[in-house]
């Protein structure tokens, strides 16, 4: 499954850190999936907080359908003030939090 925000969010930095810190390919893939899932959930939470009830329902009804992602992203740009700035900022925060956790281990 492809997450709605994967088209606009870059995760290259944290994936490079995963490559450096983990030797086992299975472990690397697992960590990459954890990162994708975590960023996705944090971004979904941010978006849902920004939407009113009606738009929340519309968004959730289409978020799992990959074919609707491009149109849905365009709608989010209309519905959420400074959507792209907010989404990139939240993604960077989440990535930074996870990088710090990886480096501690």
Protein backbone atom coordinates (compact mmCIF):
# COMPACT_ATOMS: atom_id res chain seq x y z
CA UNK A 1 0.00 0.00 0.00
CA UNK A 2 1.25 3.43 -0.87
CA UNK A 3 0.55 6.15 1.66
CA UNK A 4 -1.02 9.39 0.49
CA UNK A 5 1.91 11.55 1.59
CA UNK A 6 4.68 9.47 0.01
CA UNK A 7 4.51 11.55 -3.16
CA UNK A 8 5.42 14.79 -1.39
CA UNK A 9 7.55 13.72 1.59
CA UNK A 10 11.21 12.71 1.28
CA UNK A 11 12.59 10.07 3.65
CA UNK A 12 16.03 9.61 2.06
CA UNK A 13 17.98 10.99 5.04
CA UNK A 14 16.54 8.62 7.59
CA UNK A 15 16.74 5.67 5.20
CA UNK A 16 20.48 6.36 4.77
CA UNK A 17 20.88 6.32 8.55
CA UNK A 18 19.03 3.00 8.70
CA UNK A 19 21.43 1.60 6.08
CA UNK A 20 24.38 2.72 8.25
CA UNK A 21 23.06 1.47 11.60
CA UNK A 22 21.59 -1.92 10.70
CA UNK A 23 23.40 -4.83 9.06
CA UNK A 24 20.59 -7.30 8.49
CA UNK A 25 18.45 -6.65 5.38
CA UNK A 26 15.31 -7.91 7.09
CA UNK A 27 15.91 -5.54 9.99
CA UNK A 28 16.54 -2.64 7.58
CA UNK A 29 13.29 -3.29 5.74
CA UNK A 30 11.39 -3.61 9.01
CA UNK A 31 12.79 -0.27 10.22
CA UNK A 32 11.92 1.43 6.93
CA UNK A 33 8.35 0.20 7.27
CA UNK A 34 8.19 1.47 10.85
CA UNK A 35 9.45 4.87 9.65
CA UNK A 36 6.89 5.04 6.82
CA UNK A 37 4.07 4.03 9.16
CA UNK A 38 5.10 6.48 11.87
CA UNK A 39 5.42 9.43 9.50
CA UNK A 40 2.12 8.52 7.86
CA UNK A 41 0.29 8.42 11.19
CA UNK A 42 1.79 11.68 12.40
CA UNK A 43 0.83 13.41 9.15
CA UNK A 44 -2.67 11.94 9.21
CA UNK A 45 -3.09 13.20 12.77
CA UNK A 46 -1.95 16.70 11.76
CA UNK A 47 -4.28 16.80 8.75
CA UNK A 48 -7.29 15.51 10.68
CA UNK A 49 -6.74 18.19 13.32
CA UNK A 50 -6.85 20.83 10.58
CA UNK A 51 -10.12 19.68 8.97
CA UNK A 52 -13.69 20.24 10.04
CA UNK A 53 -15.93 17.19 10.54
CA UNK A 54 -17.37 17.19 7.00
CA UNK A 55 -13.97 17.42 5.31
CA UNK A 56 -12.52 14.85 7.71
CA UNK A 57 -15.14 12.33 6.60
CA UNK A 58 -14.48 13.06 2.91
CA UNK A 59 -10.74 12.80 3.42
CA UNK A 60 -10.90 9.50 5.31
CA UNK A 61 -13.30 8.00 2.78
CA UNK A 62 -10.71 8.46 0.01
CA UNK A 63 -7.35 8.27 1.80
CA UNK A 64 -6.96 4.50 1.31
CA UNK A 65 -7.68 4.65 -2.44
CA UNK A 66 -4.35 5.29 -4.21
CA UNK A 67 -6.10 6.34 -7.41
CA UNK A 68 -7.65 9.28 -5.53
CA UNK A 69 -4.45 10.52 -3.87
CA UNK A 70 -3.57 13.22 -6.46
CA UNK A 71 -7.02 14.81 -6.30
CA UNK A 72 -7.16 14.45 -2.54
CA UNK A 73 -3.80 16.19 -2.13
CA UNK A 74 -5.08 19.06 -4.27
CA UNK A 75 -8.16 19.34 -2.07
CA UNK A 76 -6.03 19.38 1.06
CA UNK A 77 -4.09 22.31 -0.40
CA UNK A 78 -7.42 24.15 -0.71
CA UNK A 79 -8.80 23.08 2.67
CA UNK A 80 -5.71 23.53 4.87
CA UNK A 81 -3.99 26.89 5.13
CA UNK A 82 -0.29 26.48 4.25
CA UNK A 83 -0.82 22.73 3.82
CA UNK A 84 2.53 21.98 2.19
CA UNK A 85 4.50 24.00 4.75
CA UNK A 86 2.72 22.27 7.61
CA UNK A 87 3.06 18.78 6.18
CA UNK A 88 6.78 19.20 5.44
CA UNK A 89 7.41 20.72 8.86
CA UNK A 90 5.63 17.87 10.65
CA UNK A 91 7.43 15.26 8.54
CA UNK A 92 10.82 16.83 9.38
CA UNK A 93 9.91 16.81 13.08
CA UNK A 94 8.92 13.15 12.94
CA UNK A 95 12.04 12.23 10.99
CA UNK A 96 14.26 14.10 13.46
CA UNK A 97 12.62 12.34 16.42
CA UNK A 98 13.20 8.95 14.83
CA UNK A 99 16.79 9.74 13.83
CA UNK A 100 17.52 10.61 17.45
CA UNK A 101 16.00 7.31 18.59
CA UNK A 102 18.03 5.31 16.06
CA UNK A 103 21.29 7.02 17.01
CA UNK A 104 20.72 6.40 20.73
CA UNK A 105 20.56 2.64 20.19
